[in-house]
């Protein structure tokens, strides 16, 4: 979960790394005013 300021809404934060932990990308997701992220799994592709 990411909140950029004390008054801003929450969003789903995803961080993607390589096998050594080096950052590949980071993104935030949301559908409504507040969105929270808890579980994650990988697709075959």
ModelCIF file with pLDDT and N, C-alpha, C, O atoms, coordinates in Angstrom:
data_MODEL
#
_entry.id   MODEL 
#
_entity.id                         1 
_entity.type                       polymer 
_entity.pdbx_number_of_molecules   1 
#
_entity_poly.entity_id                      1 
_entity_poly.type                           'polypeptide(L)' 
_entity_poly.nstd_linkage                   no 
_entity_poly.nstd_monomer                   no 
_entity_poly.pdbx_seq_one_letter_code       
;(UNK)(UNK)(UNK)(UNK)(UNK)(UNK)(UNK)(UNK)(UNK)(UNK)(UNK)(UNK)(UNK)(UNK)(UNK)(UNK)
(UNK)(UNK)(UNK)(UNK)(UNK)(UNK)(UNK)(UNK)(UNK)(UNK)(UNK)(UNK)(UNK)(UNK)(UNK)(UNK)
(UNK)(UNK)(UNK)(UNK)(UNK)(UNK)(UNK)(UNK)(UNK)(UNK)(UNK)(UNK)(UNK)
;
_entity_poly.pdbx_seq_one_letter_code_can   XXXXXXXXXXXXXXXXXXXXXXXXXXXXXXXXXXXXXXXXXXXXX 
_entity_poly.pdbx_strand_id                 A 
#
loop_
_entity_poly_seq.entity_id 
_entity_poly_seq.num 
_entity_poly_seq.mon_id 
_entity_poly_seq.hetero 
1 1  UNK n 
1 2  UNK n 
1 3  UNK n 
1 4  UNK n 
1 5  UNK n 
1 6  UNK n 
1 7  UNK n 
1 8  UNK n 
1 9  UNK n 
1 10 UNK n 
1 11 UNK n 
1 12 UNK n 
1 13 UNK n 
1 14 UNK n 
1 15 UNK n 
1 16 UNK n 
1 17 UNK n 
1 18 UNK n 
1 19 UNK n 
1 20 UNK n 
1 21 UNK n 
1 22 UNK n 
1 23 UNK n 
1 24 UNK n 
1 25 UNK n 
1 26 UNK n 
1 27 UNK n 
1 28 UNK n 
1 29 UNK n 
1 30 UNK n 
1 31 UNK n 
1 32 UNK n 
1 33 UNK n 
1 34 UNK n 
1 35 UNK n 
1 36 UNK n 
1 37 UNK n 
1 38 UNK n 
1 39 UNK n 
1 40 UNK n 
1 41 UNK n 
1 42 UNK n 
1 43 UNK n 
1 44 UNK n 
1 45 UNK n 
#
_struct_asym.id          A 
_struct_asym.entity_id   1 
#
loop_
_ma_qa_metric.id 
_ma_qa_metric.mode 
_ma_qa_metric.name 
_ma_qa_metric.software_group_id 
_ma_qa_metric.type 
1 global pLDDT . pLDDT 
2 local  pLDDT . pLDDT 
#
_ma_qa_metric_global.metric_id      1 
_ma_qa_metric_global.metric_value   90.62 
_ma_qa_metric_global.model_id       1 
_ma_qa_metric_global.ordinal_id     1 
#
loop_
_ma_qa_metric_local.label_asym_id 
_ma_qa_metric_local.label_comp_id 
_ma_qa_metric_local.label_seq_id 
_ma_qa_metric_local.metric_id 
_ma_qa_metric_local.metric_value 
_ma_qa_metric_local.model_id 
_ma_qa_metric_local.ordinal_id 
A UNK 1  2 91.00 1 1  
A UNK 2  2 90.00 1 2  
A UNK 3  2 86.00 1 3  
A UNK 4  2 79.00 1 4  
A UNK 5  2 80.00 1 5  
A UNK 6  2 81.00 1 6  
A UNK 7  2 80.00 1 7  
A UNK 8  2 81.00 1 8  
A UNK 9  2 84.00 1 9  
A UNK 10 2 89.00 1 10 
A UNK 11 2 90.00 1 11 
A UNK 12 2 93.00 1 12 
A UNK 13 2 94.00 1 13 
A UNK 14 2 95.00 1 14 
A UNK 15 2 95.00 1 15 
A UNK 16 2 96.00 1 16 
A UNK 17 2 95.00 1 17 
A UNK 18 2 94.00 1 18 
A UNK 19 2 92.00 1 19 
A UNK 20 2 93.00 1 20 
A UNK 21 2 92.00 1 21 
A UNK 22 2 95.00 1 22 
A UNK 23 2 96.00 1 23 
A UNK 24 2 96.00 1 24 
A UNK 25 2 96.00 1 25 
A UNK 26 2 95.00 1 26 
A UNK 27 2 95.00 1 27 
A UNK 28 2 94.00 1 28 
A UNK 29 2 95.00 1 29 
A UNK 30 2 90.00 1 30 
A UNK 31 2 87.00 1 31 
A UNK 32 2 84.00 1 32 
A UNK 33 2 85.00 1 33 
A UNK 34 2 87.00 1 34 
A UNK 35 2 88.00 1 35 
A UNK 36 2 87.00 1 36 
A UNK 37 2 90.00 1 37 
A UNK 38 2 91.00 1 38 
A UNK 39 2 94.00 1 39 
A UNK 40 2 95.00 1 40 
A UNK 41 2 95.00 1 41 
A UNK 42 2 95.00 1 42 
A UNK 43 2 94.00 1 43 
A UNK 44 2 92.00 1 44 
A UNK 45 2 92.00 1 45 
#
loop_
_atom_site.group_PDB 
_atom_site.id 
_atom_site.type_symbol 
_atom_site.label_atom_id 
_atom_site.label_alt_id 
_atom_site.label_comp_id 
_atom_site.label_asym_id 
_atom_site.label_entity_id 
_atom_site.label_seq_id 
_atom_site.pdbx_PDB_ins_code 
_atom_site.Cartn_x 
_atom_site.Cartn_y 
_atom_site.Cartn_z 
_atom_site.occupancy 
_atom_site.B_iso_or_equiv 
_atom_site.pdbx_formal_charge 
_atom_site.auth_seq_id 
_atom_site.auth_comp_id 
_atom_site.auth_asym_id 
_atom_site.auth_atom_id 
_atom_site.pdbx_PDB_model_num 
ATOM 1   N N  . UNK A 1 1  ? 0.859   -1.188  0.000   1.00 91.00 ? 1  UNK A N  1 
ATOM 2   C CA . UNK A 1 1  ? 0.000   0.000   0.000   1.00 91.00 ? 1  UNK A CA 1 
ATOM 3   C C  . UNK A 1 1  ? 0.891   1.233   0.000   1.00 91.00 ? 1  UNK A C  1 
ATOM 4   O O  . UNK A 1 1  ? 1.901   1.282   0.703   1.00 91.00 ? 1  UNK A O  1 
ATOM 5   N N  . UNK A 1 2  ? 0.509   2.233   -0.797  1.00 90.00 ? 2  UNK A N  1 
ATOM 6   C CA . UNK A 1 2  ? 1.274   3.474   -0.815  1.00 90.00 ? 2  UNK A CA 1 
ATOM 7   C C  . UNK A 1 2  ? 0.346   4.666   -0.599  1.00 90.00 ? 2  UNK A C  1 
ATOM 8   O O  . UNK A 1 2  ? -0.739  4.743   -1.174  1.00 90.00 ? 2  UNK A O  1 
ATOM 9   N N  . UNK A 1 3  ? 0.799   5.591   0.242   1.00 86.00 ? 3  UNK A N  1 
ATOM 10  C CA . UNK A 1 3  ? 0.119   6.878   0.444   1.00 86.00 ? 3  UNK A CA 1 
ATOM 11  C C  . UNK A 1 3  ? 1.183   7.959   0.341   1.00 86.00 ? 3  UNK A C  1 
ATOM 12  O O  . UNK A 1 3  ? 2.105   8.004   1.155   1.00 86.00 ? 3  UNK A O  1 
ATOM 13  N N  . UNK A 1 4  ? 1.060   8.829   -0.654  1.00 79.00 ? 4  UNK A N  1 
ATOM 14  C CA . UNK A 1 4  ? 2.133   9.790   -0.920  1.00 79.00 ? 4  UNK A CA 1 
ATOM 15  C C  . UNK A 1 4  ? 2.151   10.957  0.062   1.00 79.00 ? 4  UNK A C  1 
ATOM 16  O O  . UNK A 1 4  ? 3.215   11.510  0.342   1.00 79.00 ? 4  UNK A O  1 
ATOM 17  N N  . UNK A 1 5  ? 1.015   11.330  0.578   1.00 80.00 ? 5  UNK A N  1 
ATOM 18  C CA . UNK A 1 5  ? 0.976   12.377  1.602   1.00 80.00 ? 5  UNK A CA 1 
ATOM 19  C C  . UNK A 1 5  ? 0.020   11.926  2.696   1.00 80.00 ? 5  UNK A C  1 
ATOM 20  O O  . UNK A 1 5  ? -0.768  11.008  2.472   1.00 80.00 ? 5  UNK A O  1 
ATOM 21  N N  . UNK A 1 6  ? 0.067   12.545  3.876   1.00 81.00 ? 6  UNK A N  1 
ATOM 22  C CA . UNK A 1 6  ? -0.840  12.122  4.947   1.00 81.00 ? 6  UNK A CA 1 
ATOM 23  C C  . UNK A 1 6  ? -2.311  12.235  4.588   1.00 81.00 ? 6  UNK A C  1 
ATOM 24  O O  . UNK A 1 6  ? -3.139  11.556  5.196   1.00 81.00 ? 6  UNK A O  1 
ATOM 25  N N  . UNK A 1 7  ? -2.666  13.080  3.612   1.00 80.00 ? 7  UNK A N  1 
ATOM 26  C CA . UNK A 1 7  ? -4.077  13.273  3.269   1.00 80.00 ? 7  UNK A CA 1 
ATOM 27  C C  . UNK A 1 7  ? -4.472  12.643  1.938   1.00 80.00 ? 7  UNK A C  1 
ATOM 28  O O  . UNK A 1 7  ? -5.646  12.674  1.566   1.00 80.00 ? 7  UNK A O  1 
ATOM 29  N N  . UNK A 1 8  ? -3.510  12.072  1.216   1.00 81.00 ? 8  UNK A N  1 
ATOM 30  C CA . UNK A 1 8  ? -3.833  11.482  -0.090  1.00 81.00 ? 8  UNK A CA 1 
ATOM 31  C C  . UNK A 1 8  ? -4.406  10.080  0.089   1.00 81.00 ? 8  UNK A C  1 
ATOM 32  O O  . UNK A 1 8  ? -4.178  9.449   1.122   1.00 81.00 ? 8  UNK A O  1 
ATOM 33  N N  . UNK A 1 9  ? -5.148  9.584   -0.904  1.00 84.00 ? 9  UNK A N  1 
ATOM 34  C CA . UNK A 1 9  ? -5.737  8.247   -0.793  1.00 84.00 ? 9  UNK A CA 1 
ATOM 35  C C  . UNK A 1 9  ? -4.681  7.144   -0.892  1.00 84.00 ? 9  UNK A C  1 
ATOM 36  O O  . UNK A 1 9  ? -3.574  7.368   -1.381  1.00 84.00 ? 9  UNK A O  1 
ATOM 37  N N  . UNK A 1 10 ? -5.043  5.960   -0.422  1.00 89.00 ? 10 UNK A N  1 
ATOM 38  C CA . UNK A 1 10 ? -4.174  4.799   -0.563  1.00 89.00 ? 10 UNK A CA 1 
ATOM 39  C C  . UNK A 1 10 ? -4.291  4.231   -1.969  1.00 89.00 ? 10 UNK A C  1 
ATOM 40  O O  . UNK A 1 10 ? -5.334  4.358   -2.610  1.00 89.00 ? 10 UNK A O  1 
ATOM 41  N N  . UNK A 1 11 ? -3.227  3.609   -2.445  1.00 90.00 ? 11 UNK A N  1 
ATOM 42  C CA . UNK A 1 11 ? -3.246  2.904   -3.725  1.00 90.00 ? 11 UNK A CA 1 
ATOM 43  C C  . UNK A 1 11 ? -2.449  1.617   -3.584  1.00 90.00 ? 11 UNK A C  1 
ATOM 44  O O  . UNK A 1 11 ? -1.641  1.462   -2.668  1.00 90.00 ? 11 UNK A O  1 
ATOM 45  N N  . UNK A 1 12 ? -2.694  0.699   -4.509  1.00 93.00 ? 12 UNK A N  1 
ATOM 46  C CA . UNK A 1 12 ? -1.968  -0.571  -4.523  1.00 93.00 ? 12 UNK A CA 1 
ATOM 47  C C  . UNK A 1 12 ? -0.577  -0.328  -5.110  1.00 93.00 ? 12 UNK A C  1 
ATOM 48  O O  . UNK A 1 12 ? -0.449  0.184   -6.222  1.00 93.00 ? 12 UNK A O  1 
ATOM 49  N N  . UNK A 1 13 ? 0.439   -0.687  -4.378  1.00 94.00 ? 13 UNK A N  1 
ATOM 50  C CA . UNK A 1 13 ? 1.823   -0.518  -4.820  1.00 94.00 ? 13 UNK A CA 1 
ATOM 51  C C  . UNK A 1 13 ? 2.402   -1.873  -5.209  1.00 94.00 ? 13 UNK A C  1 
ATOM 52  O O  . UNK A 1 13 ? 2.322   -2.829  -4.437  1.00 94.00 ? 13 UNK A O  1 
ATOM 53  N N  . UNK A 1 14 ? 2.987   -1.958  -6.407  1.00 95.00 ? 14 UNK A N  1 
ATOM 54  C CA . UNK A 1 14 ? 3.677   -3.166  -6.849  1.00 95.00 ? 14 UNK A CA 1 
ATOM 55  C C  . UNK A 1 14 ? 5.103   -2.796  -7.245  1.00 95.00 ? 14 UNK A C  1 
ATOM 56  O O  . UNK A 1 14 ? 5.327   -1.848  -7.998  1.00 95.00 ? 14 UNK A O  1 
ATOM 57  N N  . UNK A 1 15 ? 6.054   -3.555  -6.728  1.00 95.00 ? 15 UNK A N  1 
ATOM 58  C CA . UNK A 1 15 ? 7.468   -3.366  -7.045  1.00 95.00 ? 15 UNK A CA 1 
ATOM 59  C C  . UNK A 1 15 ? 7.970   -4.647  -7.697  1.00 95.00 ? 15 UNK A C  1 
ATOM 60  O O  . UNK A 1 15 ? 7.782   -5.740  -7.163  1.00 95.00 ? 15 UNK A O  1 
ATOM 61  N N  . UNK A 1 16 ? 8.610   -4.506  -8.853  1.00 96.00 ? 16 UNK A N  1 
ATOM 62  C CA . UNK A 1 16 ? 9.110   -5.662  -9.604  1.00 96.00 ? 16 UNK A CA 1 
ATOM 63  C C  . UNK A 1 16 ? 10.625  -5.598  -9.647  1.00 96.00 ? 16 UNK A C  1 
ATOM 64  O O  . UNK A 1 16 ? 11.197  -4.570  -10.009 1.00 96.00 ? 16 UNK A O  1 
ATOM 65  N N  . UNK A 1 17 ? 11.290  -6.713  -9.273  1.00 95.00 ? 17 UNK A N  1 
ATOM 66  C CA . UNK A 1 17 ? 12.755  -6.765  -9.278  1.00 95.00 ? 17 UNK A CA 1 
ATOM 67  C C  . UNK A 1 17 ? 13.228  -7.957  -10.099 1.00 95.00 ? 17 UNK A C  1 
ATOM 68  O O  . UNK A 1 17 ? 12.445  -8.841  -10.448 1.00 95.00 ? 17 UNK A O  1 
ATOM 69  N N  . UNK A 1 18 ? 14.530  -7.964  -10.403 1.00 94.00 ? 18 UNK A N  1 
ATOM 70  C CA . UNK A 1 18 ? 15.123  -9.151  -11.003 1.00 94.00 ? 18 UNK A CA 1 
ATOM 71  C C  . UNK A 1 18 ? 15.501  -10.133 -9.901  1.00 94.00 ? 18 UNK A C  1 
ATOM 72  O O  . UNK A 1 18 ? 15.171  -9.915  -8.736  1.00 94.00 ? 18 UNK A O  1 
ATOM 73  N N  . UNK A 1 19 ? 16.196  -11.217 -10.263 1.00 92.00 ? 19 UNK A N  1 
ATOM 74  C CA . UNK A 1 19 ? 16.508  -12.260 -9.287  1.00 92.00 ? 19 UNK A CA 1 
ATOM 75  C C  . UNK A 1 19 ? 17.488  -11.804 -8.217  1.00 92.00 ? 19 UNK A C  1 
ATOM 76  O O  . UNK A 1 19 ? 17.609  -12.455 -7.179  1.00 92.00 ? 19 UNK A O  1 
ATOM 77  N N  . UNK A 1 20 ? 18.198  -10.688 -8.450  1.00 93.00 ? 20 UNK A N  1 
ATOM 78  C CA . UNK A 1 20 ? 19.143  -10.153 -7.469  1.00 93.00 ? 20 UNK A CA 1 
ATOM 79  C C  . UNK A 1 20 ? 18.543  -9.029  -6.639  1.00 93.00 ? 20 UNK A C  1 
ATOM 80  O O  . UNK A 1 20 ? 19.217  -8.459  -5.781  1.00 93.00 ? 20 UNK A O  1 
ATOM 81  N N  . UNK A 1 21 ? 17.276  -8.708  -6.891  1.00 92.00 ? 21 UNK A N  1 
ATOM 82  C CA . UNK A 1 21 ? 16.621  -7.655  -6.134  1.00 92.00 ? 21 UNK A CA 1 
ATOM 83  C C  . UNK A 1 21 ? 16.757  -6.271  -6.733  1.00 92.00 ? 21 UNK A C  1 
ATOM 84  O O  . UNK A 1 21 ? 16.339  -5.292  -6.116  1.00 92.00 ? 21 UNK A O  1 
ATOM 85  N N  . UNK A 1 22 ? 17.336  -6.164  -7.928  1.00 95.00 ? 22 UNK A N  1 
ATOM 86  C CA . UNK A 1 22 ? 17.466  -4.864  -8.591  1.00 95.00 ? 22 UNK A CA 1 
ATOM 87  C C  . UNK A 1 22 ? 16.103  -4.429  -9.132  1.00 95.00 ? 22 UNK A C  1 
ATOM 88  O O  . UNK A 1 22 ? 15.398  -5.224  -9.754  1.00 95.00 ? 22 UNK A O  1 
ATOM 89  N N  . UNK A 1 23 ? 15.735  -3.178  -8.898  1.00 96.00 ? 23 UNK A N  1 
ATOM 90  C CA . UNK A 1 23 ? 14.434  -2.671  -9.303  1.00 96.00 ? 23 UNK A CA 1 
ATOM 91  C C  . UNK A 1 23 ? 14.289  -2.675  -10.821 1.00 96.00 ? 23 UNK A C  1 
ATOM 92  O O  . UNK A 1 23 ? 15.135  -2.134  -11.533 1.00 96.00 ? 23 UNK A O  1 
ATOM 93  N N  . UNK A 1 24 ? 13.203  -3.292  -11.317 1.00 96.00 ? 24 UNK A N  1 
ATOM 94  C CA . UNK A 1 24 ? 12.855  -3.245  -12.736 1.00 96.00 ? 24 UNK A CA 1 
ATOM 95  C C  . UNK A 1 24 ? 11.788  -2.188  -12.996 1.00 96.00 ? 24 UNK A C  1 
ATOM 96  O O  . UNK A 1 24 ? 11.918  -1.391  -13.925 1.00 96.00 ? 24 UNK A O  1 
ATOM 97  N N  . UNK A 1 25 ? 10.736  -2.177  -12.183 1.00 96.00 ? 25 UNK A N  1 
ATOM 98  C CA . UNK A 1 25 ? 9.715   -1.140  -12.272 1.00 96.00 ? 25 UNK A CA 1 
ATOM 99  C C  . UNK A 1 25 ? 8.876   -1.127  -11.009 1.00 96.00 ? 25 UNK A C  1 
ATOM 100 O O  . UNK A 1 25 ? 8.853   -2.095  -10.249 1.00 96.00 ? 25 UNK A O  1 
ATOM 101 N N  . UNK A 1 26 ? 8.189   -0.019  -10.797 1.00 95.00 ? 26 UNK A N  1 
ATOM 102 C CA . UNK A 1 26 ? 7.232   0.112   -9.707  1.00 95.00 ? 26 UNK A CA 1 
ATOM 103 C C  . UNK A 1 26 ? 6.003   0.852   -10.235 1.00 95.00 ? 26 UNK A C  1 
ATOM 104 O O  . UNK A 1 26 ? 6.124   1.815   -10.993 1.00 95.00 ? 26 UNK A O  1 
ATOM 105 N N  . UNK A 1 27 ? 4.829   0.396   -9.830  1.00 95.00 ? 27 UNK A N  1 
ATOM 106 C CA . UNK A 1 27 ? 3.586   1.003   -10.308 1.00 95.00 ? 27 UNK A CA 1 
ATOM 107 C C  . UNK A 1 27 ? 2.565   1.037   -9.184  1.00 95.00 ? 27 UNK A C  1 
ATOM 108 O O  . UNK A 1 27 ? 2.643   0.268   -8.226  1.00 95.00 ? 27 UNK A O  1 
ATOM 109 N N  . UNK A 1 28 ? 1.608   1.943   -9.321  1.00 94.00 ? 28 UNK A N  1 
ATOM 110 C CA . UNK A 1 28 ? 0.483   2.024   -8.394  1.00 94.00 ? 28 UNK A CA 1 
ATOM 111 C C  . UNK A 1 28 ? -0.814  1.770   -9.162  1.00 94.00 ? 28 UNK A C  1 
ATOM 112 O O  . UNK A 1 28 ? -0.932  2.120   -10.336 1.00 94.00 ? 28 UNK A O  1 
ATOM 113 N N  . UNK A 1 29 ? -1.783  1.158   -8.483  1.00 95.00 ? 29 UNK A N  1 
ATOM 114 C CA . UNK A 1 29 ? -3.049  0.795   -9.100  1.00 95.00 ? 29 UNK A CA 1 
ATOM 115 C C  . UNK A 1 29 ? -4.190  1.200   -8.182  1.00 95.00 ? 29 UNK A C  1 
ATOM 116 O O  . UNK A 1 29 ? -4.033  1.255   -6.962  1.00 95.00 ? 29 UNK A O  1 
ATOM 117 N N  . UNK A 1 30 ? -5.334  1.482   -8.778  1.00 90.00 ? 30 UNK A N  1 
ATOM 118 C CA . UNK A 1 30 ? -6.510  1.813   -7.987  1.00 90.00 ? 30 UNK A CA 1 
ATOM 119 C C  . UNK A 1 30 ? -7.743  1.865   -8.859  1.00 90.00 ? 30 UNK A C  1 
ATOM 120 O O  . UNK A 1 30 ? -7.669  2.201   -10.040 1.00 90.00 ? 30 UNK A O  1 
ATOM 121 N N  . UNK A 1 31 ? -8.892  1.527   -8.261  1.00 87.00 ? 31 UNK A N  1 
ATOM 122 C CA . UNK A 1 31 ? -10.146 1.533   -8.993  1.00 87.00 ? 31 UNK A CA 1 
ATOM 123 C C  . UNK A 1 31 ? -11.085 2.614   -8.472  1.00 87.00 ? 31 UNK A C  1 
ATOM 124 O O  . UNK A 1 31 ? -11.819 3.225   -9.249  1.00 87.00 ? 31 UNK A O  1 
ATOM 125 N N  . UNK A 1 32 ? -11.067 2.856   -7.151  1.00 84.00 ? 32 UNK A N  1 
ATOM 126 C CA . UNK A 1 32 ? -11.928 3.859   -6.536  1.00 84.00 ? 32 UNK A CA 1 
ATOM 127 C C  . UNK A 1 32 ? -11.071 4.803   -5.700  1.00 84.00 ? 32 UNK A C  1 
ATOM 128 O O  . UNK A 1 32 ? -9.861  4.894   -5.905  1.00 84.00 ? 32 UNK A O  1 
ATOM 129 N N  . UNK A 1 33 ? -11.693 5.498   -4.764  1.00 85.00 ? 33 UNK A N  1 
ATOM 130 C CA . UNK A 1 33 ? -10.959 6.510   -4.007  1.00 85.00 ? 33 UNK A CA 1 
ATOM 131 C C  . UNK A 1 33 ? -9.759  5.925   -3.282  1.00 85.00 ? 33 UNK A C  1 
ATOM 132 O O  . UNK A 1 33 ? -8.666  6.489   -3.334  1.00 85.00 ? 33 UNK A O  1 
ATOM 133 N N  . UNK A 1 34 ? -9.955  4.788   -2.601  1.00 87.00 ? 34 UNK A N  1 
ATOM 134 C CA . UNK A 1 34 ? -8.868  4.112   -1.912  1.00 87.00 ? 34 UNK A CA 1 
ATOM 135 C C  . UNK A 1 34 ? -8.791  2.677   -2.400  1.00 87.00 ? 34 UNK A C  1 
ATOM 136 O O  . UNK A 1 34 ? -9.815  2.014   -2.569  1.00 87.00 ? 34 UNK A O  1 
ATOM 137 N N  . UNK A 1 35 ? -7.561  2.194   -2.628  1.00 88.00 ? 35 UNK A N  1 
ATOM 138 C CA . UNK A 1 35 ? -7.347  0.803   -3.015  1.00 88.00 ? 35 UNK A CA 1 
ATOM 139 C C  . UNK A 1 35 ? -6.141  0.265   -2.260  1.00 88.00 ? 35 UNK A C  1 
ATOM 140 O O  . UNK A 1 35 ? -5.117  0.937   -2.134  1.00 88.00 ? 35 UNK A O  1 
ATOM 141 N N  . UNK A 1 36 ? -6.281  -0.969  -1.757  1.00 87.00 ? 36 UNK A N  1 
ATOM 142 C CA . UNK A 1 36 ? -5.246  -1.586  -0.938  1.00 87.00 ? 36 UNK A CA 1 
ATOM 143 C C  . UNK A 1 36 ? -4.800  -2.892  -1.574  1.00 87.00 ? 36 UNK A C  1 
ATOM 144 O O  . UNK A 1 36 ? -5.625  -3.619  -2.128  1.00 87.00 ? 36 UNK A O  1 
ATOM 145 N N  . UNK A 1 37 ? -3.499  -3.206  -1.505  1.00 90.00 ? 37 UNK A N  1 
ATOM 146 C CA . UNK A 1 37 ? -2.969  -4.440  -2.075  1.00 90.00 ? 37 UNK A CA 1 
ATOM 147 C C  . UNK A 1 37 ? -2.479  -5.384  -1.001  1.00 90.00 ? 37 UNK A C  1 
ATOM 148 O O  . UNK A 1 37 ? -1.790  -4.962  -0.072  1.00 90.00 ? 37 UNK A O  1 
ATOM 149 N N  . UNK A 1 38 ? -2.829  -6.681  -1.114  1.00 91.00 ? 38 UNK A N  1 
ATOM 150 C CA . UNK A 1 38 ? -2.453  -7.648  -0.086  1.00 91.00 ? 38 UNK A CA 1 
ATOM 151 C C  . UNK A 1 38 ? -1.861  -8.935  -0.643  1.00 91.00 ? 38 UNK A C  1 
ATOM 152 O O  . UNK A 1 38 ? -0.931  -9.476  -0.045  1.00 91.00 ? 38 UNK A O  1 
ATOM 153 N N  . UNK A 1 39 ? -2.373  -9.459  -1.789  1.00 94.00 ? 39 UNK A N  1 
ATOM 154 C CA . UNK A 1 39 ? -1.877  -10.743 -2.294  1.00 94.00 ? 39 UNK A CA 1 
ATOM 155 C C  . UNK A 1 39 ? -1.450  -10.590 -3.743  1.00 94.00 ? 39 UNK A C  1 
ATOM 156 O O  . UNK A 1 39 ? -1.965  -9.740  -4.469  1.00 94.00 ? 39 UNK A O  1 
ATOM 157 N N  . UNK A 1 40 ? -0.490  -11.433 -4.161  1.00 95.00 ? 40 UNK A N  1 
ATOM 158 C CA . UNK A 1 40 ? 0.060   -11.328 -5.509  1.00 95.00 ? 40 UNK A CA 1 
ATOM 159 C C  . UNK A 1 40 ? 0.508   -12.706 -5.970  1.00 95.00 ? 40 UNK A C  1 
ATOM 160 O O  . UNK A 1 40 ? 1.040   -13.489 -5.184  1.00 95.00 ? 40 UNK A O  1 
ATOM 161 N N  . UNK A 1 41 ? 0.291   -12.997 -7.253  1.00 95.00 ? 41 UNK A N  1 
ATOM 162 C CA . UNK A 1 41 ? 0.789   -14.236 -7.848  1.00 95.00 ? 41 UNK A CA 1 
ATOM 163 C C  . UNK A 1 41 ? 1.171   -13.958 -9.297  1.00 95.00 ? 41 UNK A C  1 
ATOM 164 O O  . UNK A 1 41 ? 0.725   -12.976 -9.892  1.00 95.00 ? 41 UNK A O  1 
ATOM 165 N N  . UNK A 1 42 ? 2.001   -14.835 -9.854  1.00 95.00 ? 42 UNK A N  1 
ATOM 166 C CA . UNK A 1 42 ? 2.524   -14.635 -11.202 1.00 95.00 ? 42 UNK A CA 1 
ATOM 167 C C  . UNK A 1 42 ? 1.775   -15.495 -12.205 1.00 95.00 ? 42 UNK A C  1 
ATOM 168 O O  . UNK A 1 42 ? 1.428   -16.641 -11.918 1.00 95.00 ? 42 UNK A O  1 
ATOM 169 N N  . UNK A 1 43 ? 1.528   -14.935 -13.381 1.00 94.00 ? 43 UNK A N  1 
ATOM 170 C CA . UNK A 1 43 ? 0.957   -15.671 -14.501 1.00 94.00 ? 43 UNK A CA 1 
ATOM 171 C C  . UNK A 1 43 ? 2.068   -16.374 -15.282 1.00 94.00 ? 43 UNK A C  1 
ATOM 172 O O  . UNK A 1 43 ? 3.229   -15.982 -15.172 1.00 94.00 ? 43 UNK A O  1 
ATOM 173 N N  . UNK A 1 44 ? 1.740   -17.398 -16.062 1.00 92.00 ? 44 UNK A N  1 
ATOM 174 C CA . UNK A 1 44 ? 2.792   -18.118 -16.799 1.00 92.00 ? 44 UNK A CA 1 
ATOM 175 C C  . UNK A 1 44 ? 3.611   -17.241 -17.737 1.00 92.00 ? 44 UNK A C  1 
ATOM 176 O O  . UNK A 1 44 ? 4.781   -17.538 -17.980 1.00 92.00 ? 44 UNK A O  1 
ATOM 177 N N  . UNK A 1 45 ? 3.023   -16.156 -18.277 1.00 92.00 ? 45 UNK A N  1 
ATOM 178 C CA . UNK A 1 45 ? 3.759   -15.298 -19.212 1.00 92.00 ? 45 UNK A CA 1 
ATOM 179 C C  . UNK A 1 45 ? 4.515   -14.179 -18.518 1.00 92.00 ? 45 UNK A C  1 
ATOM 180 O O  . UNK A 1 45 ? 5.178   -13.379 -19.178 1.00 92.00 ? 45 UNK A O  1 
#
